[in-house]
Amino acid sequence: MKNNLKKKLSLFLAVAACISCMGMTVFATTRYDVDVSNGDEYSNKAVKDDGETNYYVTPTSRYGTIYTRSICRFSGNPAFNRLLSAGAYPYSTDVYPTEEYWLQGYSQTAGWYLKGRYTP
């Protein structure tokens, strides 16, 4: 009887460990909804999970020639990147893992907007 209980407990712990590991993998690629436009150029703050030197933007809807940058309170004044399509865009300053970042959009097109996903 005790051996059966030990086997079940071991199996339960192994399954729990696997589920926990899968959850951590998903956390490392956290993406946030973004909605920026003229007059509301900043997204909500999001925590950067790693030290990668790119941020990612996946537009689902946009209008205008848009430039973006990912900003951290330590990053100073990073350069803007022209948003061409979904993809990786380089940080022009040092990267600070576990800090809050936000996306800033900019355009000279009247009525510009950007909706989509953002990964700091």
PDB file of N, CA and C in Angstrom:
ATOM      1  N   MET A   1       0.818  -1.193   0.000  1.00  0.00           N
ATOM      2  CA  MET A   1       0.000   0.000   0.000  1.00  0.00           C
ATOM      3  C   MET A   1       0.865   1.262   0.000  1.00  0.00           C
ATOM      4  N   LYS A   2       1.916   1.270   0.832  1.00  0.00           N
ATOM      5  CA  LYS A   2       2.793   2.435   0.907  1.00  0.00           C
ATOM      6  C   LYS A   2       3.532   2.649  -0.413  1.00  0.00           C
ATOM      7  N   ASN A   3       3.923   1.575  -1.094  1.00  0.00           N
ATOM      8  CA  ASN A   3       4.618   1.705  -2.374  1.00  0.00           C
ATOM      9  C   ASN A   3       3.722   2.345  -3.425  1.00  0.00           C
ATOM     10  N   ASN A   4       2.436   1.966  -3.422  1.00  0.00           N
ATOM     11  CA  ASN A   4       1.483   2.567  -4.361  1.00  0.00           C
ATOM     12  C   ASN A   4       1.338   4.066  -4.111  1.00  0.00           C
ATOM     13  N   LEU A   5       1.256   4.427  -2.854  1.00  0.00           N
ATOM     14  CA  LEU A   5       1.131   5.837  -2.487  1.00  0.00           C
ATOM     15  C   LEU A   5       2.382   6.618  -2.880  1.00  0.00           C
ATOM     16  N   LYS A   6       3.546   6.025  -2.676  1.00  0.00           N
ATOM     17  CA  LYS A   6       4.800   6.678  -3.057  1.00  0.00           C
ATOM     18  C   LYS A   6       4.875   6.880  -4.570  1.00  0.00           C
ATOM     19  N   LYS A   7       4.434   5.867  -5.336  1.00  0.00           N
ATOM     20  CA  LYS A   7       4.457   5.970  -6.801  1.00  0.00           C
ATOM     21  C   LYS A   7       3.511   7.073  -7.268  1.00  0.00           C
ATOM     22  N   LYS A   8       2.315   7.122  -6.693  1.00  0.00           N
ATOM     23  CA  LYS A   8       1.347   8.147  -7.088  1.00  0.00           C
ATOM     24  C   LYS A   8       1.859   9.541  -6.729  1.00  0.00           C
ATOM     25  N   LEU A   9       2.441   9.683  -5.556  1.00  0.00           N
ATOM     26  CA  LEU A   9       2.982  10.966  -5.133  1.00  0.00           C
ATOM     27  C   LEU A   9       4.138  11.399  -6.040  1.00  0.00           C
ATOM     28  N   SER A  10       5.002  10.458  -6.386  1.00  0.00           N
ATOM     29  CA  SER A  10       6.124  10.763  -7.285  1.00  0.00           C
ATOM     30  C   SER A  10       5.620  11.190  -8.659  1.00  0.00           C
ATOM     31  N   LEU A  11       4.608  10.490  -9.170  1.00  0.00           N
ATOM     32  CA  LEU A  11       4.034  10.831 -10.466  1.00  0.00           C
ATOM     33  C   LEU A  11       3.402  12.220 -10.417  1.00  0.00           C
ATOM     34  N   PHE A  12       2.674  12.507  -9.344  1.00  0.00           N
ATOM     35  CA  PHE A  12       2.046  13.815  -9.185  1.00  0.00           C
ATOM     36  C   PHE A  12       3.103  14.923  -9.164  1.00  0.00           C
ATOM     37  N   LEU A  13       4.177  14.734  -8.423  1.00  0.00           N
ATOM     38  CA  LEU A  13       5.237  15.742  -8.348  1.00  0.00           C
ATOM     39  C   LEU A  13       5.926  15.937  -9.696  1.00  0.00           C
ATOM     40  N   ALA A  14       6.125  14.859 -10.429  1.00  0.00           N
ATOM     41  CA  ALA A  14       6.755  14.956 -11.753  1.00  0.00           C
ATOM     42  C   ALA A  14       5.862  15.750 -12.717  1.00  0.00           C
ATOM     43  N   VAL A  15       4.562  15.470 -12.696  1.00  0.00           N
ATOM     44  CA  VAL A  15       3.629  16.201 -13.558  1.00  0.00           C
ATOM     45  C   VAL A  15       3.583  17.677 -13.159  1.00  0.00           C
ATOM     46  N   ALA A  16       3.553  17.955 -11.871  1.00  0.00           N
ATOM     47  CA  ALA A  16       3.537  19.340 -11.394  1.00  0.00           C
ATOM     48  C   ALA A  16       4.796  20.086 -11.829  1.00  0.00           C
ATOM     49  N   ALA A  17       5.944  19.419 -11.776  1.00  0.00           N
ATOM     50  CA  ALA A  17       7.203  20.044 -12.203  1.00  0.00           C
ATOM     51  C   ALA A  17       7.171  20.363 -13.694  1.00  0.00           C
ATOM     52  N   CYS A  18       6.639  19.443 -14.500  1.00  0.00           N
ATOM     53  CA  CYS A  18       6.549  19.674 -15.945  1.00  0.00           C
ATOM     54  C   CYS A  18       5.634  20.854 -16.255  1.00  0.00           C
ATOM     55  N   ILE A  19       4.500  20.917 -15.580  1.00  0.00           N
ATOM     56  CA  ILE A  19       3.567  22.016 -15.811  1.00  0.00           C
ATOM     57  C   ILE A  19       4.205  23.342 -15.407  1.00  0.00           C
ATOM     58  N   SER A  20       4.929  23.364 -14.308  1.00  0.00           N
ATOM     59  CA  SER A  20       5.602  24.591 -13.866  1.00  0.00           C
ATOM     60  C   SER A  20       6.632  25.045 -14.893  1.00  0.00           C
ATOM     61  N   CYS A  21       7.383  24.101 -15.441  1.00  0.00           N
ATOM     62  CA  CYS A  21       8.403  24.453 -16.445  1.00  0.00           C
ATOM     63  C   CYS A  21       7.757  25.022 -17.702  1.00  0.00           C
ATOM     64  N   MET A  22       6.630  24.458 -18.111  1.00  0.00           N
ATOM     65  CA  MET A  22       5.941  24.984 -19.291  1.00  0.00           C
ATOM     66  C   MET A  22       5.468  26.405 -19.030  1.00  0.00           C
ATOM     67  N   GLY A  23       5.004  26.678 -17.846  1.00  0.00           N
ATOM     68  CA  GLY A  23       4.547  28.023 -17.496  1.00  0.00           C
ATOM     69  C   GLY A  23       5.670  29.029 -17.539  1.00  0.00           C
ATOM     70  N   MET A  24       6.854  28.650 -17.114  1.00  0.00           N
ATOM     71  CA  MET A  24       7.991  29.566 -17.141  1.00  0.00           C
ATOM     72  C   MET A  24       8.414  29.866 -18.565  1.00  0.00           C
ATOM     73  N   THR A  25       8.320  28.901 -19.462  1.00  0.00           N
ATOM     74  CA  THR A  25       8.658  29.125 -20.859  1.00  0.00           C
ATOM     75  C   THR A  25       7.720  30.153 -21.469  1.00  0.00           C
ATOM     76  N   VAL A  26       6.447  30.041 -21.192  1.00  0.00           N
ATOM     77  CA  VAL A  26       5.483  30.997 -21.715  1.00  0.00           C
ATOM     78  C   VAL A  26       5.766  32.377 -21.154  1.00  0.00           C
ATOM     79  N   PHE A  27       6.134  32.494 -19.893  1.00  0.00           N
ATOM     80  CA  PHE A  27       6.394  33.783 -19.270  1.00  0.00           C
ATOM     81  C   PHE A  27       7.555  34.505 -19.950  1.00  0.00           C
ATOM     82  N   ALA A  28       8.524  33.759 -20.443  1.00  0.00           N
ATOM     83  CA  ALA A  28       9.705  34.380 -21.052  1.00  0.00           C
ATOM     84  C   ALA A  28       9.383  35.060 -22.377  1.00  0.00           C
ATOM     85  N   THR A  29       8.241  34.773 -22.961  1.00  0.00           N
ATOM     86  CA  THR A  29       7.874  35.370 -24.241  1.00  0.00           C
ATOM     87  C   THR A  29       6.595  36.184 -24.105  1.00  0.00           C
ATOM     88  N   THR A  30       6.417  36.848 -22.989  1.00  0.00           N
ATOM     89  CA  THR A  30       5.206  37.610 -22.727  1.00  0.00           C
ATOM     90  C   THR A  30       5.044  38.726 -23.745  1.00  0.00           C
ATOM     91  N   ARG A  31       3.839  38.789 -24.309  1.00  0.00           N
ATOM     92  CA  ARG A  31       3.515  39.858 -25.242  1.00  0.00           C
ATOM     93  C   ARG A  31       2.327  40.633 -24.693  1.00  0.00           C
ATOM     94  N   TYR A  32       2.291  41.921 -24.995  1.00  0.00           N
ATOM     95  CA  TYR A  32       1.273  42.800 -24.461  1.00  0.00           C
ATOM     96  C   TYR A  32       0.519  43.479 -25.591  1.00  0.00           C
ATOM     97  N   ASP A  33      -0.773  43.683 -25.383  1.00  0.00           N
ATOM     98  CA  ASP A  33      -1.548  44.446 -26.356  1.00  0.00           C
ATOM     99  C   ASP A  33      -1.060  45.888 -26.349  1.00  0.00           C
ATOM    100  N   VAL A  34      -1.027  46.468 -27.530  1.00  0.00           N
ATOM    101  CA  VAL A  34      -0.577  47.861 -27.645  1.00  0.00           C
ATOM    102  C   VAL A  34      -1.602  48.620 -28.488  1.00  0.00           C
ATOM    103  N   ASP A  35      -1.880  49.838 -28.082  1.00  0.00           N
ATOM    104  CA  ASP A  35      -2.824  50.708 -28.791  1.00  0.00           C
ATOM    105  C   ASP A  35      -2.323  52.133 -28.587  1.00  0.00           C
ATOM    106  N   VAL A  36      -1.593  52.644 -29.565  1.00  0.00           N
ATOM    107  CA  VAL A  36      -1.055  53.998 -29.475  1.00  0.00           C
ATOM    108  C   VAL A  36      -1.544  54.804 -30.676  1.00  0.00           C
ATOM    109  N   SER A  37      -1.657  56.103 -30.471  1.00  0.00           N
ATOM    110  CA  SER A  37      -2.146  56.964 -31.543  1.00  0.00           C
ATOM    111  C   SER A  37      -1.754  58.407 -31.239  1.00  0.00           C
ATOM    112  N   ASN A  38      -2.090  59.299 -32.161  1.00  0.00           N
ATOM    113  CA  ASN A  38      -1.808  60.710 -31.973  1.00  0.00           C
ATOM    114  C   ASN A  38      -2.518  61.191 -30.713  1.00  0.00           C
ATOM    115  N   GLY A  39      -1.771  61.776 -29.769  1.00  0.00           N
ATOM    116  CA  GLY A  39      -2.336  62.225 -28.515  1.00  0.00           C
ATOM    117  C   GLY A  39      -2.250  61.190 -27.402  1.00  0.00           C
ATOM    118  N   ASP A  40      -1.950  59.946 -27.747  1.00  0.00           N
ATOM    119  CA  ASP A  40      -1.798  58.863 -26.764  1.00  0.00           C
ATOM    120  C   ASP A  40      -0.650  57.977 -27.251  1.00  0.00           C
ATOM    121  N   GLU A  41       0.563  58.523 -27.234  1.00  0.00           N
ATOM    122  CA  GLU A  41       1.716  57.902 -27.885  1.00  0.00           C
ATOM    123  C   GLU A  41       2.345  56.758 -27.101  1.00  0.00           C
ATOM    124  N   TYR A  42       1.960  56.559 -25.840  1.00  0.00           N
ATOM    125  CA  TYR A  42       2.630  55.569 -24.995  1.00  0.00           C
ATOM    126  C   TYR A  42       1.717  54.389 -24.682  1.00  0.00           C
ATOM    127  N   SER A  43       2.298  53.188 -24.736  1.00  0.00           N
ATOM    128  CA  SER A  43       1.560  51.991 -24.336  1.00  0.00           C
ATOM    129  C   SER A  43       1.591  51.863 -22.819  1.00  0.00           C
ATOM    130  N   ASN A  44       0.876  50.882 -22.295  1.00  0.00           N
ATOM    131  CA  ASN A  44       0.988  50.551 -20.874  1.00  0.00           C
ATOM    132  C   ASN A  44       2.373  49.987 -20.604  1.00  0.00           C
ATOM    133  N   LYS A  45       2.824  50.080 -19.363  1.00  0.00           N
ATOM    134  CA  LYS A  45       4.135  49.547 -19.007  1.00  0.00           C
ATOM    135  C   LYS A  45       4.096  48.024 -18.997  1.00  0.00           C
ATOM    136  N   ALA A  46       5.235  47.418 -19.360  1.00  0.00           N
ATOM    137  CA  ALA A  46       5.367  45.968 -19.415  1.00  0.00           C
ATOM    138  C   ALA A  46       6.753  45.585 -18.921  1.00  0.00           C
ATOM    139  N   VAL A  47       6.864  44.481 -18.223  1.00  0.00           N
ATOM    140  CA  VAL A  47       8.145  44.030 -17.680  1.00  0.00           C
ATOM    141  C   VAL A  47       8.917  43.254 -18.744  1.00  0.00           C
ATOM    142  N   LYS A  48      10.181  43.610 -18.917  1.00  0.00           N
ATOM    143  CA  LYS A  48      11.069  42.886 -19.847  1.00  0.00           C
ATOM    144  C   LYS A  48      11.590  41.652 -19.140  1.00  0.00           C
ATOM    145  N   ASP A  49      11.403  40.484 -19.754  1.00  0.00           N
ATOM    146  CA  ASP A  49      11.742  39.211 -19.121  1.00  0.00           C
ATOM    147  C   ASP A  49      13.200  38.800 -19.278  1.00  0.00           C
ATOM    148  N   ASP A  50      13.903  39.354 -20.266  1.00  0.00           N
ATOM    149  CA  ASP A  50      15.248  38.853 -20.561  1.00  0.00           C
ATOM    150  C   ASP A  50      16.165  39.997 -20.994  1.00  0.00           C
ATOM    151  N   GLY A  51      17.380  39.656 -21.346  1.00  0.00           N
ATOM    152  CA  GLY A  51      18.360  40.654 -21.747  1.00  0.00           C
ATOM    153  C   GLY A  51      18.514  40.779 -23.250  1.00  0.00           C
ATOM    154  N   GLU A  52      17.558  40.277 -24.008  1.00  0.00           N
ATOM    155  CA  GLU A  52      17.646  40.363 -25.467  1.00  0.00           C
ATOM    156  C   GLU A  52      17.702  41.821 -25.905  1.00  0.00           C
ATOM    157  N   THR A  53      18.456  42.099 -26.955  1.00  0.00           N
ATOM    158  CA  THR A  53      18.685  43.473 -27.389  1.00  0.00           C
ATOM    159  C   THR A  53      17.713  43.939 -28.473  1.00  0.00           C
ATOM    160  N   ASN A  54      16.608  43.234 -28.648  1.00  0.00           N
ATOM    161  CA  ASN A  54      15.556  43.639 -29.578  1.00  0.00           C
ATOM    162  C   ASN A  54      14.221  43.684 -28.847  1.00  0.00           C
ATOM    163  N   TYR A  55      13.329  44.526 -29.330  1.00  0.00           N
ATOM    164  CA  TYR A  55      11.931  44.457 -28.916  1.00  0.00           C
ATOM    165  C   TYR A  55      11.119  44.099 -30.154  1.00  0.00           C
ATOM    166  N   TYR A  56       9.916  43.591 -29.950  1.00  0.00           N
ATOM    167  CA  TYR A  56       9.115  43.077 -31.053  1.00  0.00           C
ATOM    168  C   TYR A  56       7.777  43.799 -31.120  1.00  0.00           C
ATOM    169  N   VAL A  57       7.380  44.143 -32.330  1.00  0.00           N
ATOM    170  CA  VAL A  57       6.075  44.749 -32.562  1.00  0.00           C
ATOM    171  C   VAL A  57       5.395  43.963 -33.674  1.00  0.00           C
ATOM    172  N   THR A  58       4.154  43.566 -33.420  1.00  0.00           N
ATOM    173  CA  THR A  58       3.346  42.866 -34.411  1.00  0.00           C
ATOM    174  C   THR A  58       2.070  43.670 -34.622  1.00  0.00           C
ATOM    175  N   PRO A  59       2.035  44.509 -35.659  1.00  0.00           N
ATOM    176  CA  PRO A  59       0.835  45.312 -35.885  1.00  0.00           C
ATOM    177  C   PRO A  59      -0.328  44.442 -36.376  1.00  0.00           C
ATOM    178  N   THR A  60      -1.510  44.700 -35.838  1.00  0.00           N
ATOM    179  CA  THR A  60      -2.714  44.062 -36.382  1.00  0.00           C
ATOM    180  C   THR A  60      -3.508  45.088 -37.178  1.00  0.00           C
ATOM    181  N   SER A  61      -3.283  46.358 -36.880  1.00  0.00           N
ATOM    182  CA  SER A  61      -3.946  47.444 -37.583  1.00  0.00           C
ATOM    183  C   SER A  61      -3.086  48.694 -37.404  1.00  0.00           C
ATOM    184  N   ARG A  62      -2.935  49.477 -38.466  1.00  0.00           N
ATOM    185  CA  ARG A  62      -2.149  50.712 -38.351  1.00  0.00           C
ATOM    186  C   ARG A  62      -2.479  51.644 -39.499  1.00  0.00           C
ATOM    187  N   TYR A  63      -2.129  52.911 -39.292  1.00  0.00           N
ATOM    188  CA  TYR A  63      -2.299  53.913 -40.330  1.00  0.00           C
ATOM    189  C   TYR A  63      -1.165  54.923 -40.201  1.00  0.00           C
ATOM    190  N   GLY A  64      -0.520  55.209 -41.313  1.00  0.00           N
ATOM    191  CA  GLY A  64       0.535  56.213 -41.335  1.00  0.00           C
ATOM    192  C   GLY A  64       1.925  55.606 -41.321  1.00  0.00           C
ATOM    193  N   THR A  65       2.919  56.447 -41.532  1.00  0.00           N
ATOM    194  CA  THR A  65       4.316  56.059 -41.408  1.00  0.00           C
ATOM    195  C   THR A  65       4.676  56.218 -39.939  1.00  0.00           C
ATOM    196  N   ILE A  66       4.890  55.103 -39.260  1.00  0.00           N
ATOM    197  CA  ILE A  66       5.025  55.113 -37.803  1.00  0.00           C
ATOM    198  C   ILE A  66       6.447  54.757 -37.398  1.00  0.00           C
ATOM    199  N   TYR A  67       6.930  55.440 -36.389  1.00  0.00           N
ATOM    200  CA  TYR A  67       8.216  55.159 -35.777  1.00  0.00           C
ATOM    201  C   TYR A  67       7.949  54.751 -34.329  1.00  0.00           C
ATOM    202  N   THR A  68       8.709  53.772 -33.842  1.00  0.00           N
ATOM    203  CA  THR A  68       8.513  53.302 -32.469  1.00  0.00           C
ATOM    204  C   THR A  68       9.850  53.233 -31.740  1.00  0.00           C
ATOM    205  N   ARG A  69       9.766  53.232 -30.420  1.00  0.00           N
ATOM    206  CA  ARG A  69      10.919  52.949 -29.581  1.00  0.00           C
ATOM    207  C   ARG A  69      10.398  52.352 -28.282  1.00  0.00           C
ATOM    208  N   SER A  70      11.217  51.499 -27.696  1.00  0.00           N
ATOM    209  CA  SER A  70      10.900  50.875 -26.422  1.00  0.00           C
ATOM    210  C   SER A  70      11.723  51.577 -25.352  1.00  0.00           C
ATOM    211  N   ILE A  71      11.049  52.094 -24.336  1.00  0.00           N
ATOM    212  CA  ILE A  71      11.688  52.957 -23.351  1.00  0.00           C
ATOM    213  C   ILE A  71      11.634  52.339 -21.966  1.00  0.00           C
ATOM    214  N   CYS A  72      12.733  52.475 -21.241  1.00  0.00           N
ATOM    215  CA  CYS A  72      12.832  52.092 -19.839  1.00  0.00           C
ATOM    216  C   CYS A  72      13.225  53.351 -19.069  1.00  0.00           C
ATOM    217  N   ARG A  73      12.943  53.399 -17.792  1.00  0.00           N
ATOM    218  CA  ARG A  73      13.299  54.602 -17.023  1.00  0.00           C
ATOM    219  C   ARG A  73      14.799  54.853 -17.009  1.00  0.00           C
ATOM    220  N   PHE A  74      15.617  53.820 -17.290  1.00  0.00           N
ATOM    221  CA  PHE A  74      17.073  53.974 -17.312  1.00  0.00           C
ATOM    222  C   PHE A  74      17.627  54.241 -18.711  1.00  0.00           C
ATOM    223  N   SER A  75      16.790  54.145 -19.741  1.00  0.00           N
ATOM    224  CA  SER A  75      17.303  54.128 -21.111  1.00  0.00           C
ATOM    225  C   SER A  75      17.615  55.492 -21.695  1.00  0.00           C
ATOM    226  N   GLY A  76      17.324  56.549 -20.993  1.00  0.00           N
ATOM    227  CA  GLY A  76      17.642  57.867 -21.539  1.00  0.00           C
ATOM    228  C   GLY A  76      16.722  58.220 -22.691  1.00  0.00           C
ATOM    229  N   ASN A  77      17.293  58.547 -23.823  1.00  0.00           N
ATOM    230  CA  ASN A  77      16.525  58.973 -24.986  1.00  0.00           C
ATOM    231  C   ASN A  77      16.865  58.088 -26.186  1.00  0.00           C
ATOM    232  N   PRO A  78      16.313  56.862 -26.254  1.00  0.00           N
ATOM    233  CA  PRO A  78      16.675  55.961 -27.348  1.00  0.00           C
ATOM    234  C   PRO A  78      16.149  56.442 -28.699  1.00  0.00           C
ATOM    235  N   ALA A  79      16.786  55.988 -29.751  1.00  0.00           N
ATOM    236  CA  ALA A  79      16.395  56.359 -31.111  1.00  0.00           C
ATOM    237  C   ALA A  79      15.091  55.666 -31.508  1.00  0.00           C
ATOM    238  N   PHE A  80      14.370  56.300 -32.435  1.00  0.00           N
ATOM    239  CA  PHE A  80      13.161  55.696 -32.991  1.00  0.00           C
ATOM    240  C   PHE A  80      13.536  54.756 -34.125  1.00  0.00           C
ATOM    241  N   ASN A  81      12.746  53.689 -34.313  1.00  0.00           N
ATOM    242  CA  ASN A  81      12.885  52.760 -35.436  1.00  0.00           C
ATOM    243  C   ASN A  81      11.645  52.872 -36.303  1.00  0.00           C
ATOM    244  N   ARG A  82      11.827  52.940 -37.621  1.00  0.00           N
ATOM    245  CA  ARG A  82      10.671  52.983 -38.513  1.00  0.00           C
ATOM    246  C   ARG A  82       9.996  51.623 -38.506  1.00  0.00           C
ATOM    247  N   LEU A  83       8.697  51.616 -38.241  1.00  0.00           N
ATOM    248  CA  LEU A  83       7.922  50.379 -38.198  1.00  0.00           C
ATOM    249  C   LEU A  83       7.551  50.001 -39.625  1.00  0.00           C
ATOM    250  N   LEU A  84       8.183  48.954 -40.144  1.00  0.00           N
ATOM    251  CA  LEU A  84       7.912  48.521 -41.507  1.00  0.00           C
ATOM    252  C   LEU A  84       6.880  47.404 -41.539  1.00  0.00           C
ATOM    253  N   SER A  85       7.008  46.449 -40.633  1.00  0.00           N
ATOM    254  CA  SER A  85       6.080  45.315 -40.547  1.00  0.00           C
ATOM    255  C   SER A  85       6.323  44.636 -39.214  1.00  0.00           C
ATOM    256  N   ALA A  86       5.710  43.487 -39.021  1.00  0.00           N
ATOM    257  CA  ALA A  86       5.959  42.724 -37.796  1.00  0.00           C
ATOM    258  C   ALA A  86       7.421  42.320 -37.770  1.00  0.00           C
ATOM    259  N   GLY A  87       8.050  42.439 -36.598  1.00  0.00           N
ATOM    260  CA  GLY A  87       9.435  42.029 -36.525  1.00  0.00           C
ATOM    261  C   GLY A  87      10.159  42.541 -35.309  1.00  0.00           C
ATOM    262  N   ALA A  88      11.467  42.287 -35.334  1.00  0.00           N
ATOM    263  CA  ALA A  88      12.350  42.684 -34.237  1.00  0.00           C
ATOM    264  C   ALA A  88      12.959  44.042 -34.558  1.00  0.00           C
ATOM    265  N   TYR A  89      13.026  44.888 -33.536  1.00  0.00           N
ATOM    266  CA  TYR A  89      13.618  46.212 -33.679  1.00  0.00           C
ATOM    267  C   TYR A  89      14.663  46.399 -32.583  1.00  0.00           C
ATOM    268  N   PRO A  90      15.844  46.926 -32.925  1.00  0.00           N
ATOM    269  CA  PRO A  90      16.928  47.009 -31.932  1.00  0.00           C
ATOM    270  C   PRO A  90      16.739  48.144 -30.931  1.00  0.00           C
ATOM    271  N   TYR A  91      17.168  47.876 -29.706  1.00  0.00           N
ATOM    272  CA  TYR A  91      17.292  48.945 -28.722  1.00  0.00           C
ATOM    273  C   TYR A  91      18.537  49.733 -29.091  1.00  0.00           C
ATOM    274  N   SER A  92      18.504  51.031 -28.919  1.00  0.00           N
ATOM    275  CA  SER A  92      19.695  51.833 -29.214  1.00  0.00           C
ATOM    276  C   SER A  92      20.432  52.204 -27.931  1.00  0.00           C
ATOM    277  N   THR A  93      19.994  51.647 -26.804  1.00  0.00           N
ATOM    278  CA  THR A  93      20.628  51.891 -25.514  1.00  0.00           C
ATOM    279  C   THR A  93      20.803  50.556 -24.802  1.00  0.00           C
ATOM    280  N   ASP A  94      21.385  50.581 -23.620  1.00  0.00           N
ATOM    281  CA  ASP A  94      21.529  49.358 -22.827  1.00  0.00           C
ATOM    282  C   ASP A  94      20.166  48.784 -22.494  1.00  0.00           C
ATOM    283  N   VAL A  95      20.137  47.462 -22.263  1.00  0.00           N
ATOM    284  CA  VAL A  95      18.907  46.749 -21.941  1.00  0.00           C
ATOM    285  C   VAL A  95      18.929  46.362 -20.466  1.00  0.00           C
ATOM    286  N   TYR A  96      17.798  46.499 -19.798  1.00  0.00           N
ATOM    287  CA  TYR A  96      17.695  46.219 -18.364  1.00  0.00           C
ATOM    288  C   TYR A  96      16.607  45.174 -18.117  1.00  0.00           C
ATOM    289  N   PRO A  97      16.986  43.885 -17.992  1.00  0.00           N
ATOM    290  CA  PRO A  97      15.997  42.834 -17.725  1.00  0.00           C
ATOM    291  C   PRO A  97      15.270  43.091 -16.405  1.00  0.00           C
ATOM    292  N   THR A  98      14.057  42.645 -16.323  1.00  0.00           N
ATOM    293  CA  THR A  98      13.147  42.735 -15.168  1.00  0.00           C
ATOM    294  C   THR A  98      12.685  44.160 -14.879  1.00  0.00           C
ATOM    295  N   GLU A  99      13.005  45.117 -15.721  1.00  0.00           N
ATOM    296  CA  GLU A  99      12.524  46.484 -15.545  1.00  0.00           C
ATOM    297  C   GLU A  99      11.289  46.712 -16.415  1.00  0.00           C
ATOM    298  N   GLU A 100      10.528  47.744 -16.090  1.00  0.00           N
ATOM    299  CA  GLU A 100       9.350  48.089 -16.868  1.00  0.00           C
ATOM    300  C   GLU A 100       9.734  48.893 -18.106  1.00  0.00           C
ATOM    301  N   TYR A 101       9.146  48.516 -19.221  1.00  0.00           N
ATOM    302  CA  TYR A 101       9.334  49.209 -20.492  1.00  0.00           C
ATOM    303  C   TYR A 101       7.969  49.611 -21.027  1.00  0.00           C
ATOM    304  N   TRP A 102       7.947  50.568 -21.921  1.00  0.00           N
ATOM    305  CA  TRP A 102       6.728  50.896 -22.620  1.00  0.00           C
ATOM    306  C   TRP A 102       7.095  51.292 -24.036  1.00  0.00           C
ATOM    307  N   LEU A 103       6.157  51.117 -24.935  1.00  0.00           N
ATOM    308  CA  LEU A 103       6.354  51.440 -26.340  1.00  0.00           C
ATOM    309  C   LEU A 103       5.858  52.856 -26.594  1.00  0.00           C
ATOM    310  N   GLN A 104       6.654  53.634 -27.305  1.00  0.00           N
ATOM    311  CA  GLN A 104       6.234  54.963 -27.723  1.00  0.00           C
ATOM    312  C   GLN A 104       6.130  54.973 -29.235  1.00  0.00           C
ATOM    313  N   GLY A 105       5.056  55.491 -29.736  1.00  0.00           N
ATOM    314  CA  GLY A 105       4.868  55.637 -31.176  1.00  0.00           C
ATOM    315  C   GLY A 105       4.957  57.096 -31.567  1.00  0.00           C
ATOM    316  N   TYR A 106       5.293  57.340 -32.831  1.00  0.00           N
ATOM    317  CA  TYR A 106       5.436  58.702 -33.333  1.00  0.00           C
ATOM    318  C   TYR A 106       5.164  58.689 -34.828  1.00  0.00           C
ATOM    319  N   SER A 107       4.506  59.706 -35.313  1.00  0.00           N
ATOM    320  CA  SER A 107       4.281  59.848 -36.746  1.00  0.00           C
ATOM    321  C   SER A 107       3.937  61.296 -37.061  1.00  0.00           C
ATOM    322  N   GLN A 108       4.235  61.705 -38.274  1.00  0.00           N
ATOM    323  CA  GLN A 108       3.813  63.030 -38.733  1.00  0.00           C
ATOM    324  C   GLN A 108       2.529  62.940 -39.546  1.00  0.00           C
ATOM    325  N   THR A 109       2.011  61.724 -39.709  1.00  0.00           N
ATOM    326  CA  THR A 109       0.763  61.511 -40.438  1.00  0.00           C
ATOM    327  C   THR A 109      -0.413  61.871 -39.531  1.00  0.00           C
ATOM    328  N   ALA A 110      -1.282  62.747 -39.993  1.00  0.00           N
ATOM    329  CA  ALA A 110      -2.471  63.107 -39.212  1.00  0.00           C
ATOM    330  C   ALA A 110      -3.355  61.862 -39.051  1.00  0.00           C
ATOM    331  N   GLY A 111      -3.837  61.645 -37.847  1.00  0.00           N
ATOM    332  CA  GLY A 111      -4.732  60.523 -37.590  1.00  0.00           C
ATOM    333  C   GLY A 111      -4.040  59.171 -37.493  1.00  0.00           C
ATOM    334  N   TRP A 112      -2.739  59.156 -37.294  1.00  0.00           N
ATOM    335  CA  TRP A 112      -2.003  57.884 -37.230  1.00  0.00           C
ATOM    336  C   TRP A 112      -2.428  57.077 -36.014  1.00  0.00           C
ATOM    337  N   TYR A 113      -2.276  55.750 -36.133  1.00  0.00           N
ATOM    338  CA  TYR A 113      -2.517  54.859 -35.001  1.00  0.00           C
ATOM    339  C   TYR A 113      -1.807  53.535 -35.238  1.00  0.00           C
ATOM    340  N   LEU A 114      -1.596  52.809 -34.162  1.00  0.00           N
ATOM    341  CA  LEU A 114      -0.985  51.485 -34.204  1.00  0.00           C
ATOM    342  C   LEU A 114      -1.668  50.623 -33.150  1.00  0.00           C
ATOM    343  N   LYS A 115      -2.164  49.480 -33.580  1.00  0.00           N
ATOM    344  CA  LYS A 115      -2.732  48.477 -32.686  1.00  0.00           C
ATOM    345  C   LYS A 115      -2.038  47.164 -32.985  1.00  0.00           C
ATOM    346  N   GLY A 116      -1.799  46.390 -31.940  1.00  0.00           N
ATOM    347  CA  GLY A 116      -1.147  45.108 -32.154  1.00  0.00           C
ATOM    348  C   GLY A 116      -0.573  44.548 -30.880  1.00  0.00           C
ATOM    349  N   ARG A 117       0.585  43.862 -31.010  1.00  0.00           N
ATOM    350  CA  ARG A 117       1.243  43.215 -29.891  1.00  0.00           C
ATOM    351  C   ARG A 117       2.649  43.775 -29.743  1.00  0.00           C
ATOM    352  N   TYR A 118       3.116  43.827 -28.501  1.00  0.00           N
ATOM    353  CA  TYR A 118       4.423  44.385 -28.170  1.00  0.00           C
ATOM    354  C   TYR A 118       5.097  43.471 -27.158  1.00  0.00           C
ATOM    355  N   THR A 119       6.343  43.109 -27.447  1.00  0.00           N
ATOM    356  CA  THR A 119       7.159  42.327 -26.532  1.00  0.00           C
ATOM    357  C   THR A 119       8.425  43.125 -26.244  1.00  0.00           C
ATOM    358  N   PRO A 120       8.578  43.604 -24.995  1.00  0.00           N
ATOM    359  CA  PRO A 120       9.766  44.415 -24.699  1.00  0.00           C
ATOM    360  C   PRO A 120      11.068  43.608 -24.738  1.00  0.00           C
TER     361      PRO A 120
END
